[in-house]
């Protein structure tokens, strides 16, 4: 690569015809970046806390089958107890339906339970 080819890769001008780089002295620019990163980290932290809560709740639920990775399971609360089932909410009869449907989950290869459908999963 010749010296002239390298100049085109620079982030600034190398001849007098290029516009001058002007620092407008915006002291908030750094603060805005930091606040944005803090916001993103807070969102990640909140998502991780929710994942821990969901995984703990599902692991403590009564389950009559050995879960299979990637298969959908449905968490219900029936008479005050959490119960995992392979039966979808619309498949129950009026007499057998649990009290409350909580959410649909899938077991991941990481061993955590993720809510199905919230991360655009199929």
PDB file of N, CA and C in Angstrom:
ATOM      1  N   UNK A   1       0.849  -1.165   0.000  1.00  0.00           N
ATOM      2  CA  UNK A   1       0.000   0.000   0.000  1.00  0.00           C
ATOM      3  C   UNK A   1       0.895   1.228   0.000  1.00  0.00           C
ATOM      4  N   UNK A   2       0.646   2.133  -0.915  1.00  0.00           N
ATOM      5  CA  UNK A   2       1.481   3.330  -0.993  1.00  0.00           C
ATOM      6  C   UNK A   2       1.031   4.345   0.048  1.00  0.00           C
ATOM      7  N   UNK A   3       1.822   5.372   0.262  1.00  0.00           N
ATOM      8  CA  UNK A   3       1.532   6.410   1.250  1.00  0.00           C
ATOM      9  C   UNK A   3       0.222   7.134   0.904  1.00  0.00           C
ATOM     10  N   UNK A   4      -0.040   7.356  -0.382  1.00  0.00           N
ATOM     11  CA  UNK A   4      -1.261   8.028  -0.809  1.00  0.00           C
ATOM     12  C   UNK A   4      -2.509   7.212  -0.511  1.00  0.00           C
ATOM     13  N   UNK A   5      -2.415   5.887  -0.609  1.00  0.00           N
ATOM     14  CA  UNK A   5      -3.555   5.026  -0.311  1.00  0.00           C
ATOM     15  C   UNK A   5      -3.914   5.076   1.171  1.00  0.00           C
ATOM     16  N   UNK A   6      -2.926   5.191   2.019  1.00  0.00           N
ATOM     17  CA  UNK A   6      -3.167   5.221   3.467  1.00  0.00           C
ATOM     18  C   UNK A   6      -3.889   6.494   3.890  1.00  0.00           C
ATOM     19  N   UNK A   7      -3.670   7.598   3.186  1.00  0.00           N
ATOM     20  CA  UNK A   7      -4.316   8.863   3.547  1.00  0.00           C
ATOM     21  C   UNK A   7      -5.831   8.763   3.442  1.00  0.00           C
ATOM     22  N   UNK A   8      -6.322   7.968   2.521  1.00  0.00           N
ATOM     23  CA  UNK A   8      -7.772   7.865   2.360  1.00  0.00           C
ATOM     24  C   UNK A   8      -8.425   7.125   3.518  1.00  0.00           C
ATOM     25  N   UNK A   9      -7.639   6.437   4.306  1.00  0.00           N
ATOM     26  CA  UNK A   9      -8.179   5.697   5.453  1.00  0.00           C
ATOM     27  C   UNK A   9      -8.203   6.525   6.729  1.00  0.00           C
ATOM     28  N   UNK A  10      -7.575   7.696   6.717  1.00  0.00           N
ATOM     29  CA  UNK A  10      -7.515   8.534   7.908  1.00  0.00           C
ATOM     30  C   UNK A  10      -8.870   9.171   8.183  1.00  0.00           C
ATOM     31  N   UNK A  11      -9.142   9.428   9.454  1.00  0.00           N
ATOM     32  CA  UNK A  11     -10.411  10.017   9.865  1.00  0.00           C
ATOM     33  C   UNK A  11     -10.403  11.533   9.774  1.00  0.00           C
ATOM     34  N   UNK A  12      -9.310  12.114   9.316  1.00  0.00           N
ATOM     35  CA  UNK A  12      -9.189  13.568   9.225  1.00  0.00           C
ATOM     36  C   UNK A  12      -8.546  13.926   7.889  1.00  0.00           C
ATOM     37  N   UNK A  13      -8.697  15.179   7.505  1.00  0.00           N
ATOM     38  CA  UNK A  13      -8.144  15.645   6.242  1.00  0.00           C
ATOM     39  C   UNK A  13      -6.640  15.794   6.304  1.00  0.00           C
ATOM     40  N   UNK A  14      -5.988  15.610   5.171  1.00  0.00           N
ATOM     41  CA  UNK A  14      -4.523  15.696   5.131  1.00  0.00           C
ATOM     42  C   UNK A  14      -4.026  16.812   4.221  1.00  0.00           C
ATOM     43  N   UNK A  15      -4.964  17.573   3.634  1.00  0.00           N
ATOM     44  CA  UNK A  15      -4.563  18.706   2.792  1.00  0.00           C
ATOM     45  C   UNK A  15      -5.303  19.948   3.259  1.00  0.00           C
ATOM     46  N   UNK A  16      -4.790  21.140   2.902  1.00  0.00           N
ATOM     47  CA  UNK A  16      -5.447  22.381   3.342  1.00  0.00           C
ATOM     48  C   UNK A  16      -6.867  22.552   2.820  1.00  0.00           C
ATOM     49  N   UNK A  17      -7.257  21.841   1.781  1.00  0.00           N
ATOM     50  CA  UNK A  17      -8.607  21.989   1.236  1.00  0.00           C
ATOM     51  C   UNK A  17      -9.674  21.295   2.084  1.00  0.00           C
ATOM     52  N   UNK A  18      -9.266  20.448   2.997  1.00  0.00           N
ATOM     53  CA  UNK A  18     -10.225  19.775   3.867  1.00  0.00           C
ATOM     54  C   UNK A  18     -10.730  20.755   4.923  1.00  0.00           C
ATOM     55  N   UNK A  19     -11.988  20.621   5.321  1.00  0.00           N
ATOM     56  CA  UNK A  19     -12.500  21.505   6.371  1.00  0.00           C
ATOM     57  C   UNK A  19     -11.750  21.273   7.681  1.00  0.00           C
ATOM     58  N   UNK A  20     -11.648  22.328   8.450  1.00  0.00           N
ATOM     59  CA  UNK A  20     -10.950  22.243   9.734  1.00  0.00           C
ATOM     60  C   UNK A  20     -11.769  21.423  10.721  1.00  0.00           C
ATOM     61  N   UNK A  21     -11.069  20.702  11.590  1.00  0.00           N
ATOM     62  CA  UNK A  21     -11.719  19.961  12.669  1.00  0.00           C
ATOM     63  C   UNK A  21     -11.931  20.951  13.803  1.00  0.00           C
ATOM     64  N   UNK A  22     -13.184  21.163  14.168  1.00  0.00           N
ATOM     65  CA  UNK A  22     -13.511  22.164  15.179  1.00  0.00           C
ATOM     66  C   UNK A  22     -14.079  21.457  16.393  1.00  0.00           C
ATOM     67  N   UNK A  23     -13.505  21.746  17.545  1.00  0.00           N
ATOM     68  CA  UNK A  23     -14.033  21.227  18.808  1.00  0.00           C
ATOM     69  C   UNK A  23     -14.946  22.295  19.379  1.00  0.00           C
ATOM     70  N   UNK A  24     -16.215  21.972  19.447  1.00  0.00           N
ATOM     71  CA  UNK A  24     -17.183  22.954  19.919  1.00  0.00           C
ATOM     72  C   UNK A  24     -17.211  23.045  21.438  1.00  0.00           C
ATOM     73  N   UNK A  25     -16.376  22.288  22.079  1.00  0.00           N
ATOM     74  CA  UNK A  25     -16.263  22.363  23.532  1.00  0.00           C
ATOM     75  C   UNK A  25     -17.529  21.970  24.264  1.00  0.00           C
ATOM     76  N   UNK A  26     -18.191  20.938  23.818  1.00  0.00           N
ATOM     77  CA  UNK A  26     -19.426  20.485  24.447  1.00  0.00           C
ATOM     78  C   UNK A  26     -19.074  19.582  25.625  1.00  0.00           C
ATOM     79  N   UNK A  27     -19.111  20.110  26.853  1.00  0.00           N
ATOM     80  CA  UNK A  27     -18.756  19.285  28.010  1.00  0.00           C
ATOM     81  C   UNK A  27     -19.800  18.216  28.320  1.00  0.00           C
ATOM     82  N   UNK A  28     -21.003  18.374  27.783  1.00  0.00           N
ATOM     83  CA  UNK A  28     -22.065  17.402  28.064  1.00  0.00           C
ATOM     84  C   UNK A  28     -21.952  16.152  27.224  1.00  0.00           C
ATOM     85  N   UNK A  29     -21.165  16.208  26.155  1.00  0.00           N
ATOM     86  CA  UNK A  29     -21.055  15.066  25.259  1.00  0.00           C
ATOM     87  C   UNK A  29     -20.598  13.812  26.012  1.00  0.00           C
ATOM     88  N   UNK A  30     -19.579  13.955  26.833  1.00  0.00           N
ATOM     89  CA  UNK A  30     -19.093  12.825  27.626  1.00  0.00           C
ATOM     90  C   UNK A  30     -20.139  12.352  28.622  1.00  0.00           C
ATOM     91  N   UNK A  31     -20.815  13.293  29.247  1.00  0.00           N
ATOM     92  CA  UNK A  31     -21.856  12.933  30.211  1.00  0.00           C
ATOM     93  C   UNK A  31     -23.013  12.209  29.540  1.00  0.00           C
ATOM     94  N   UNK A  32     -23.377  12.657  28.337  1.00  0.00           N
ATOM     95  CA  UNK A  32     -24.462  12.000  27.610  1.00  0.00           C
ATOM     96  C   UNK A  32     -24.087  10.567  27.264  1.00  0.00           C
ATOM     97  N   UNK A  33     -22.852  10.371  26.868  1.00  0.00           N
ATOM     98  CA  UNK A  33     -22.384   9.020  26.557  1.00  0.00           C
ATOM     99  C   UNK A  33     -22.455   8.142  27.803  1.00  0.00           C
ATOM    100  N   UNK A  34     -21.948   8.657  28.906  1.00  0.00           N
ATOM    101  CA  UNK A  34     -21.924   7.883  30.157  1.00  0.00           C
ATOM    102  C   UNK A  34     -23.345   7.570  30.615  1.00  0.00           C
ATOM    103  N   UNK A  35     -24.235   8.567  30.553  1.00  0.00           N
ATOM    104  CA  UNK A  35     -25.619   8.336  30.962  1.00  0.00           C
ATOM    105  C   UNK A  35     -26.293   7.302  30.054  1.00  0.00           C
ATOM    106  N   UNK A  36     -25.980   7.338  28.767  1.00  0.00           N
ATOM    107  CA  UNK A  36     -26.526   6.350  27.845  1.00  0.00           C
ATOM    108  C   UNK A  36     -26.052   4.949  28.173  1.00  0.00           C
ATOM    109  N   UNK A  37     -24.771   4.823  28.473  1.00  0.00           N
ATOM    110  CA  UNK A  37     -24.210   3.511  28.835  1.00  0.00           C
ATOM    111  C   UNK A  37     -24.814   3.022  30.150  1.00  0.00           C
ATOM    112  N   UNK A  38     -24.977   3.931  31.115  1.00  0.00           N
ATOM    113  CA  UNK A  38     -25.578   3.549  32.395  1.00  0.00           C
ATOM    114  C   UNK A  38     -27.002   3.055  32.158  1.00  0.00           C
ATOM    115  N   UNK A  39     -27.736   3.739  31.284  1.00  0.00           N
ATOM    116  CA  UNK A  39     -29.100   3.311  30.963  1.00  0.00           C
ATOM    117  C   UNK A  39     -29.125   1.926  30.352  1.00  0.00           C
ATOM    118  N   UNK A  40     -28.208   1.663  29.433  1.00  0.00           N
ATOM    119  CA  UNK A  40     -28.148   0.337  28.805  1.00  0.00           C
ATOM    120  C   UNK A  40     -27.769  -0.734  29.823  1.00  0.00           C
ATOM    121  N   UNK A  41     -26.813  -0.423  30.691  1.00  0.00           N
ATOM    122  CA  UNK A  41     -26.415  -1.386  31.726  1.00  0.00           C
ATOM    123  C   UNK A  41     -27.567  -1.657  32.691  1.00  0.00           C
ATOM    124  N   UNK A  42     -28.340  -0.614  33.011  1.00  0.00           N
ATOM    125  CA  UNK A  42     -29.490  -0.789  33.901  1.00  0.00           C
ATOM    126  C   UNK A  42     -30.527  -1.699  33.249  1.00  0.00           C
ATOM    127  N   UNK A  43     -30.757  -1.525  31.936  1.00  0.00           N
ATOM    128  CA  UNK A  43     -31.695  -2.384  31.226  1.00  0.00           C
ATOM    129  C   UNK A  43     -31.209  -3.835  31.227  1.00  0.00           C
ATOM    130  N   UNK A  44     -29.919  -4.039  30.987  1.00  0.00           N
ATOM    131  CA  UNK A  44     -29.354  -5.394  31.009  1.00  0.00           C
ATOM    132  C   UNK A  44     -29.484  -6.008  32.392  1.00  0.00           C
ATOM    133  N   UNK A  45     -29.209  -5.209  33.420  1.00  0.00           N
ATOM    134  CA  UNK A  45     -29.312  -5.696  34.803  1.00  0.00           C
ATOM    135  C   UNK A  45     -30.759  -6.086  35.114  1.00  0.00           C
ATOM    136  N   UNK A  46     -31.707  -5.228  34.743  1.00  0.00           N
ATOM    137  CA  UNK A  46     -33.122  -5.528  34.997  1.00  0.00           C
ATOM    138  C   UNK A  46     -33.559  -6.811  34.290  1.00  0.00           C
ATOM    139  N   UNK A  47     -33.093  -6.991  33.043  1.00  0.00           N
ATOM    140  CA  UNK A  47     -33.424  -8.210  32.297  1.00  0.00           C
ATOM    141  C   UNK A  47     -32.820  -9.441  32.966  1.00  0.00           C
ATOM    142  N   UNK A  48     -31.597  -9.304  33.483  1.00  0.00           N
ATOM    143  CA  UNK A  48     -30.951 -10.427  34.164  1.00  0.00           C
ATOM    144  C   UNK A  48     -31.670 -10.769  35.466  1.00  0.00           C
ATOM    145  N   UNK A  49     -32.090  -9.764  36.209  1.00  0.00           N
ATOM    146  CA  UNK A  49     -32.844 -10.003  37.447  1.00  0.00           C
ATOM    147  C   UNK A  49     -34.148 -10.734  37.129  1.00  0.00           C
ATOM    148  N   UNK A  50     -34.840 -10.301  36.065  1.00  0.00           N
ATOM    149  CA  UNK A  50     -36.092 -10.960  35.659  1.00  0.00           C
ATOM    150  C   UNK A  50     -35.823 -12.411  35.259  1.00  0.00           C
ATOM    151  N   UNK A  51     -34.724 -12.644  34.539  1.00  0.00           N
ATOM    152  CA  UNK A  51     -34.367 -14.000  34.126  1.00  0.00           C
ATOM    153  C   UNK A  51     -34.087 -14.891  35.334  1.00  0.00           C
ATOM    154  N   UNK A  52     -33.391 -14.356  36.322  1.00  0.00           N
ATOM    155  CA  UNK A  52     -33.108 -15.117  37.550  1.00  0.00           C
ATOM    156  C   UNK A  52     -34.406 -15.431  38.288  1.00  0.00           C
ATOM    157  N   UNK A  53     -35.282 -14.448  38.402  1.00  0.00           N
ATOM    158  CA  UNK A  53     -36.559 -14.663  39.089  1.00  0.00           C
ATOM    159  C   UNK A  53     -37.405 -15.713  38.372  1.00  0.00           C
ATOM    160  N   UNK A  54     -37.478 -15.601  37.044  1.00  0.00           N
ATOM    161  CA  UNK A  54     -38.255 -16.572  36.264  1.00  0.00           C
ATOM    162  C   UNK A  54     -37.675 -17.975  36.397  1.00  0.00           C
ATOM    163  N   UNK A  55     -36.352 -18.089  36.244  1.00  0.00           N
ATOM    164  CA  UNK A  55     -35.703 -19.403  36.314  1.00  0.00           C
ATOM    165  C   UNK A  55     -35.903 -20.028  37.685  1.00  0.00           C
ATOM    166  N   UNK A  56     -35.757 -19.235  38.733  1.00  0.00           N
ATOM    167  CA  UNK A  56     -35.955 -19.747  40.095  1.00  0.00           C
ATOM    168  C   UNK A  56     -37.395 -20.202  40.299  1.00  0.00           C
ATOM    169  N   UNK A  57     -38.333 -19.400  39.826  1.00  0.00           N
ATOM    170  CA  UNK A  57     -39.746 -19.759  39.997  1.00  0.00           C
ATOM    171  C   UNK A  57     -40.079 -21.046  39.261  1.00  0.00           C
ATOM    172  N   UNK A  58     -39.586 -21.179  38.022  1.00  0.00           N
ATOM    173  CA  UNK A  58     -39.871 -22.388  37.246  1.00  0.00           C
ATOM    174  C   UNK A  58     -39.210 -23.606  37.883  1.00  0.00           C
ATOM    175  N   UNK A  59     -37.968 -23.452  38.347  1.00  0.00           N
ATOM    176  CA  UNK A  59     -37.269 -24.582  38.970  1.00  0.00           C
ATOM    177  C   UNK A  59     -37.954 -25.042  40.251  1.00  0.00           C
ATOM    178  N   UNK A  60     -38.636 -24.128  40.922  1.00  0.00           N
ATOM    179  CA  UNK A  60     -39.335 -24.482  42.164  1.00  0.00           C
ATOM    180  C   UNK A  60     -40.763 -24.959  41.920  1.00  0.00           C
ATOM    181  N   UNK A  61     -41.225 -24.879  40.689  1.00  0.00           N
ATOM    182  CA  UNK A  61     -42.591 -25.306  40.363  1.00  0.00           C
ATOM    183  C   UNK A  61     -42.668 -26.827  40.300  1.00  0.00           C
ATOM    184  N   UNK A  62     -43.854 -27.328  40.576  1.00  0.00           N
ATOM    185  CA  UNK A  62     -44.093 -28.765  40.434  1.00  0.00           C
ATOM    186  C   UNK A  62     -44.093 -29.104  38.949  1.00  0.00           C
ATOM    187  N   UNK A  63     -43.362 -30.183  38.597  1.00  0.00           N
ATOM    188  CA  UNK A  63     -43.276 -30.578  37.199  1.00  0.00           C
ATOM    189  C   UNK A  63     -43.306 -32.095  37.136  1.00  0.00           C
ATOM    190  N   UNK A  64     -44.237 -32.610  36.343  1.00  0.00           N
ATOM    191  CA  UNK A  64     -44.407 -34.055  36.253  1.00  0.00           C
ATOM    192  C   UNK A  64     -43.579 -34.714  35.167  1.00  0.00           C
ATOM    193  N   UNK A  65     -42.825 -33.928  34.406  1.00  0.00           N
ATOM    194  CA  UNK A  65     -42.015 -34.488  33.322  1.00  0.00           C
ATOM    195  C   UNK A  65     -40.595 -33.939  33.416  1.00  0.00           C
ATOM    196  N   UNK A  66     -39.673 -34.621  32.764  1.00  0.00           N
ATOM    197  CA  UNK A  66     -38.307 -34.102  32.667  1.00  0.00           C
ATOM    198  C   UNK A  66     -38.272 -33.119  31.505  1.00  0.00           C
ATOM    199  N   UNK A  67     -37.898 -31.864  31.753  1.00  0.00           N
ATOM    200  CA  UNK A  67     -37.940 -30.869  30.682  1.00  0.00           C
ATOM    201  C   UNK A  67     -36.931 -31.154  29.568  1.00  0.00           C
ATOM    202  N   UNK A  68     -37.316 -30.804  28.361  1.00  0.00           N
ATOM    203  CA  UNK A  68     -36.480 -30.969  27.177  1.00  0.00           C
ATOM    204  C   UNK A  68     -36.089 -29.579  26.696  1.00  0.00           C
ATOM    205  N   UNK A  69     -34.827 -29.397  26.386  1.00  0.00           N
ATOM    206  CA  UNK A  69     -34.332 -28.096  25.922  1.00  0.00           C
ATOM    207  C   UNK A  69     -35.058 -27.687  24.654  1.00  0.00           C
ATOM    208  N   UNK A  70     -35.554 -26.444  24.646  1.00  0.00           N
ATOM    209  CA  UNK A  70     -36.210 -25.888  23.464  1.00  0.00           C
ATOM    210  C   UNK A  70     -37.688 -26.157  23.339  1.00  0.00           C
ATOM    211  N   UNK A  71     -38.237 -27.021  24.197  1.00  0.00           N
ATOM    212  CA  UNK A  71     -39.666 -27.330  24.144  1.00  0.00           C
ATOM    213  C   UNK A  71     -40.427 -26.318  25.008  1.00  0.00           C
ATOM    214  N   UNK A  72     -41.643 -25.972  24.582  1.00  0.00           N
ATOM    215  CA  UNK A  72     -42.455 -25.016  25.327  1.00  0.00           C
ATOM    216  C   UNK A  72     -43.126 -25.693  26.529  1.00  0.00           C
ATOM    217  N   UNK A  73     -43.093 -24.975  27.651  1.00  0.00           N
ATOM    218  CA  UNK A  73     -43.786 -25.399  28.865  1.00  0.00           C
ATOM    219  C   UNK A  73     -44.575 -24.209  29.388  1.00  0.00           C
ATOM    220  N   UNK A  74     -45.660 -24.504  30.072  1.00  0.00           N
ATOM    221  CA  UNK A  74     -46.573 -23.463  30.527  1.00  0.00           C
ATOM    222  C   UNK A  74     -46.598 -23.454  32.051  1.00  0.00           C
ATOM    223  N   UNK A  75     -46.394 -22.275  32.622  1.00  0.00           N
ATOM    224  CA  UNK A  75     -46.400 -22.128  34.075  1.00  0.00           C
ATOM    225  C   UNK A  75     -47.766 -21.619  34.515  1.00  0.00           C
ATOM    226  N   UNK A  76     -48.351 -22.345  35.441  1.00  0.00           N
ATOM    227  CA  UNK A  76     -49.654 -21.995  35.997  1.00  0.00           C
ATOM    228  C   UNK A  76     -49.536 -21.888  37.509  1.00  0.00           C
ATOM    229  N   UNK A  77     -50.486 -21.187  38.109  1.00  0.00           N
ATOM    230  CA  UNK A  77     -50.632 -21.218  39.553  1.00  0.00           C
ATOM    231  C   UNK A  77     -51.994 -21.817  39.812  1.00  0.00           C
ATOM    232  N   UNK A  78     -51.991 -22.924  40.548  1.00  0.00           N
ATOM    233  CA  UNK A  78     -53.230 -23.621  40.847  1.00  0.00           C
ATOM    234  C   UNK A  78     -53.299 -23.861  42.346  1.00  0.00           C
ATOM    235  N   UNK A  79     -54.307 -23.275  42.959  1.00  0.00           N
ATOM    236  CA  UNK A  79     -54.517 -23.400  44.405  1.00  0.00           C
ATOM    237  C   UNK A  79     -53.282 -22.977  45.184  1.00  0.00           C
ATOM    238  N   UNK A  80     -52.645 -21.893  44.738  1.00  0.00           N
ATOM    239  CA  UNK A  80     -51.503 -21.330  45.458  1.00  0.00           C
ATOM    240  C   UNK A  80     -50.161 -21.980  45.154  1.00  0.00           C
ATOM    241  N   UNK A  81     -50.116 -22.963  44.272  1.00  0.00           N
ATOM    242  CA  UNK A  81     -48.863 -23.652  43.945  1.00  0.00           C
ATOM    243  C   UNK A  81     -48.550 -23.478  42.463  1.00  0.00           C
ATOM    244  N   UNK A  82     -47.276 -23.171  42.155  1.00  0.00           N
ATOM    245  CA  UNK A  82     -46.845 -23.080  40.760  1.00  0.00           C
ATOM    246  C   UNK A  82     -46.682 -24.478  40.183  1.00  0.00           C
ATOM    247  N   UNK A  83     -47.194 -24.649  38.959  1.00  0.00           N
ATOM    248  CA  UNK A  83     -47.165 -25.946  38.294  1.00  0.00           C
ATOM    249  C   UNK A  83     -46.756 -25.735  36.838  1.00  0.00           C
ATOM    250  N   UNK A  84     -45.770 -26.522  36.369  1.00  0.00           N
ATOM    251  CA  UNK A  84     -45.372 -26.495  34.960  1.00  0.00           C
ATOM    252  C   UNK A  84     -46.129 -27.591  34.231  1.00  0.00           C
ATOM    253  N   UNK A  85     -46.543 -27.272  33.009  1.00  0.00           N
ATOM    254  CA  UNK A  85     -47.310 -28.229  32.231  1.00  0.00           C
ATOM    255  C   UNK A  85     -46.930 -28.123  30.755  1.00  0.00           C
ATOM    256  N   UNK A  86     -47.175 -29.202  30.027  1.00  0.00           N
ATOM    257  CA  UNK A  86     -46.988 -29.174  28.577  1.00  0.00           C
ATOM    258  C   UNK A  86     -48.295 -28.792  27.887  1.00  0.00           C
ATOM    259  N   UNK A  87     -49.346 -28.614  28.659  1.00  0.00           N
ATOM    260  CA  UNK A  87     -50.664 -28.296  28.126  1.00  0.00           C
ATOM    261  C   UNK A  87     -50.824 -26.781  28.025  1.00  0.00           C
ATOM    262  N   UNK A  88     -51.119 -26.297  26.825  1.00  0.00           N
ATOM    263  CA  UNK A  88     -51.308 -24.864  26.580  1.00  0.00           C
ATOM    264  C   UNK A  88     -52.614 -24.384  27.213  1.00  0.00           C
ATOM    265  N   UNK A  89     -52.715 -23.099  27.503  1.00  0.00           N
ATOM    266  CA  UNK A  89     -53.922 -22.585  28.159  1.00  0.00           C
ATOM    267  C   UNK A  89     -55.215 -22.892  27.413  1.00  0.00           C
ATOM    268  N   UNK A  90     -55.192 -22.849  26.086  1.00  0.00           N
ATOM    269  CA  UNK A  90     -56.422 -23.086  25.317  1.00  0.00           C
ATOM    270  C   UNK A  90     -56.782 -24.564  25.220  1.00  0.00           C
ATOM    271  N   UNK A  91     -55.916 -25.450  25.677  1.00  0.00           N
ATOM    272  CA  UNK A  91     -56.168 -26.896  25.580  1.00  0.00           C
ATOM    273  C   UNK A  91     -56.856 -27.473  26.817  1.00  0.00           C
ATOM    274  N   UNK A  92     -56.991 -26.684  27.865  1.00  0.00           N
ATOM    275  CA  UNK A  92     -57.642 -27.165  29.082  1.00  0.00           C
ATOM    276  C   UNK A  92     -59.151 -27.188  28.903  1.00  0.00           C
ATOM    277  N   UNK A  93     -59.804 -28.093  29.624  1.00  0.00           N
ATOM    278  CA  UNK A  93     -61.269 -28.077  29.671  1.00  0.00           C
ATOM    279  C   UNK A  93     -61.685 -27.185  30.831  1.00  0.00           C
ATOM    280  N   UNK A  94     -62.927 -26.848  30.879  1.00  0.00           N
ATOM    281  CA  UNK A  94     -63.438 -25.973  31.943  1.00  0.00           C
ATOM    282  C   UNK A  94     -63.208 -26.593  33.328  1.00  0.00           C
ATOM    283  N   UNK A  95     -63.319 -27.915  33.429  1.00  0.00           N
ATOM    284  CA  UNK A  95     -63.191 -28.592  34.723  1.00  0.00           C
ATOM    285  C   UNK A  95     -61.745 -28.797  35.162  1.00  0.00           C
ATOM    286  N   UNK A  96     -60.812 -28.816  34.204  1.00  0.00           N
ATOM    287  CA  UNK A  96     -59.421 -29.119  34.568  1.00  0.00           C
ATOM    288  C   UNK A  96     -58.503 -27.897  34.523  1.00  0.00           C
ATOM    289  N   UNK A  97     -58.989 -26.762  34.073  1.00  0.00           N
ATOM    290  CA  UNK A  97     -58.168 -25.559  33.921  1.00  0.00           C
ATOM    291  C   UNK A  97     -57.603 -25.088  35.267  1.00  0.00           C
ATOM    292  N   UNK A  98     -56.280 -24.802  35.328  1.00  0.00           N
ATOM    293  CA  UNK A  98     -55.700 -24.242  36.559  1.00  0.00           C
ATOM    294  C   UNK A  98     -56.240 -22.830  36.813  1.00  0.00           C
ATOM    295  N   UNK A  99     -56.014 -22.340  38.014  1.00  0.00           N
ATOM    296  CA  UNK A  99     -56.547 -21.032  38.405  1.00  0.00           C
ATOM    297  C   UNK A  99     -55.988 -19.894  37.549  1.00  0.00           C
ATOM    298  N   UNK A 100     -54.641 -19.825  37.381  1.00  0.00           N
ATOM    299  CA  UNK A 100     -54.019 -18.712  36.662  1.00  0.00           C
ATOM    300  C   UNK A 100     -52.917 -19.198  35.728  1.00  0.00           C
ATOM    301  N   UNK A 101     -52.923 -18.688  34.499  1.00  0.00           N
ATOM    302  CA  UNK A 101     -51.808 -18.900  33.587  1.00  0.00           C
ATOM    303  C   UNK A 101     -50.811 -17.770  33.825  1.00  0.00           C
ATOM    304  N   UNK A 102     -49.529 -18.113  34.013  1.00  0.00           N
ATOM    305  CA  UNK A 102     -48.509 -17.104  34.290  1.00  0.00           C
ATOM    306  C   UNK A 102     -47.740 -16.758  33.023  1.00  0.00           C
ATOM    307  N   UNK A 103     -47.114 -17.739  32.385  1.00  0.00           N
ATOM    308  CA  UNK A 103     -46.330 -17.475  31.172  1.00  0.00           C
ATOM    309  C   UNK A 103     -45.903 -18.789  30.541  1.00  0.00           C
ATOM    310  N   UNK A 104     -45.448 -18.672  29.309  1.00  0.00           N
ATOM    311  CA  UNK A 104     -44.890 -19.803  28.575  1.00  0.00           C
ATOM    312  C   UNK A 104     -43.371 -19.681  28.627  1.00  0.00           C
ATOM    313  N   UNK A 105     -42.680 -20.796  28.845  1.00  0.00           N
ATOM    314  CA  UNK A 105     -41.226 -20.793  28.987  1.00  0.00           C
ATOM    315  C   UNK A 105     -40.594 -21.867  28.117  1.00  0.00           C
ATOM    316  N   UNK A 106     -39.314 -21.637  27.808  1.00  0.00           N
ATOM    317  CA  UNK A 106     -38.476 -22.647  27.164  1.00  0.00           C
ATOM    318  C   UNK A 106     -37.195 -22.769  27.972  1.00  0.00           C
ATOM    319  N   UNK A 107     -36.729 -24.005  28.131  1.00  0.00           N
ATOM    320  CA  UNK A 107     -35.443 -24.260  28.771  1.00  0.00           C
ATOM    321  C   UNK A 107     -34.352 -24.086  27.716  1.00  0.00           C
ATOM    322  N   UNK A 108     -33.317 -23.286  28.043  1.00  0.00           N
ATOM    323  CA  UNK A 108     -32.232 -23.047  27.094  1.00  0.00           C
ATOM    324  C   UNK A 108     -31.066 -23.984  27.383  1.00  0.00           C
ATOM    325  N   UNK A 109     -30.116 -24.026  26.473  1.00  0.00           N
ATOM    326  CA  UNK A 109     -28.928 -24.861  26.665  1.00  0.00           C
ATOM    327  C   UNK A 109     -28.076 -24.362  27.824  1.00  0.00           C
ATOM    328  N   UNK A 110     -28.301 -23.111  28.248  1.00  0.00           N
ATOM    329  CA  UNK A 110     -27.573 -22.555  29.397  1.00  0.00           C
ATOM    330  C   UNK A 110     -28.177 -23.014  30.718  1.00  0.00           C
ATOM    331  N   UNK A 111     -29.306 -23.702  30.653  1.00  0.00           N
ATOM    332  CA  UNK A 111     -29.963 -24.166  31.869  1.00  0.00           C
ATOM    333  C   UNK A 111     -30.873 -23.125  32.507  1.00  0.00           C
ATOM    334  N   UNK A 112     -31.186 -22.067  31.779  1.00  0.00           N
ATOM    335  CA  UNK A 112     -32.102 -21.052  32.293  1.00  0.00           C
ATOM    336  C   UNK A 112     -33.425 -21.148  31.542  1.00  0.00           C
ATOM    337  N   UNK A 113     -34.458 -20.669  32.184  1.00  0.00           N
ATOM    338  CA  UNK A 113     -35.793 -20.678  31.602  1.00  0.00           C
ATOM    339  C   UNK A 113     -36.092 -19.281  31.082  1.00  0.00           C
ATOM    340  N   UNK A 114     -36.340 -19.177  29.775  1.00  0.00           N
ATOM    341  CA  UNK A 114     -36.665 -17.895  29.158  1.00  0.00           C
ATOM    342  C   UNK A 114     -38.142 -17.878  28.780  1.00  0.00           C
ATOM    343  N   UNK A 115     -38.743 -16.706  29.008  1.00  0.00           N
ATOM    344  CA  UNK A 115     -40.145 -16.545  28.598  1.00  0.00           C
ATOM    345  C   UNK A 115     -40.220 -16.662  27.082  1.00  0.00           C
ATOM    346  N   UNK A 116     -41.116 -17.468  26.616  1.00  0.00           N
ATOM    347  CA  UNK A 116     -41.272 -17.706  25.183  1.00  0.00           C
ATOM    348  C   UNK A 116     -42.026 -16.541  24.564  1.00  0.00           C
ATOM    349  N   UNK A 117     -41.520 -16.059  23.428  1.00  0.00           N
ATOM    350  CA  UNK A 117     -42.204 -15.023  22.692  1.00  0.00           C
ATOM    351  C   UNK A 117     -41.803 -13.612  23.040  1.00  0.00           C
ATOM    352  N   UNK A 118     -41.055 -13.378  24.115  1.00  0.00           N
ATOM    353  CA  UNK A 118     -40.679 -12.021  24.504  1.00  0.00           C
ATOM    354  C   UNK A 118     -39.427 -11.539  23.781  1.00  0.00           C
ATOM    355  N   UNK A 119     -38.626 -12.446  23.257  1.00  0.00           N
ATOM    356  CA  UNK A 119     -37.406 -12.048  22.550  1.00  0.00           C
ATOM    357  C   UNK A 119     -37.513 -12.391  21.071  1.00  0.00           C
ATOM    358  N   UNK A 120     -38.750 -12.344  20.529  1.00  0.00           N
ATOM    359  CA  UNK A 120     -38.995 -12.687  19.123  1.00  0.00           C
ATOM    360  C   UNK A 120     -38.551 -14.097  18.789  1.00  0.00           C
ATOM    361  N   UNK A 121     -38.697 -14.998  19.734  1.00  0.00           N
ATOM    362  CA  UNK A 121     -38.353 -16.399  19.488  1.00  0.00           C
ATOM    363  C   UNK A 121     -39.517 -17.083  18.803  1.00  0.00           C
ATOM    364  N   UNK A 122     -39.201 -18.117  18.087  1.00  0.00           N
ATOM    365  CA  UNK A 122     -40.248 -18.939  17.466  1.00  0.00           C
ATOM    366  C   UNK A 122     -40.264 -20.304  18.092  1.00  0.00           C
TER     367      UNK A 122
END
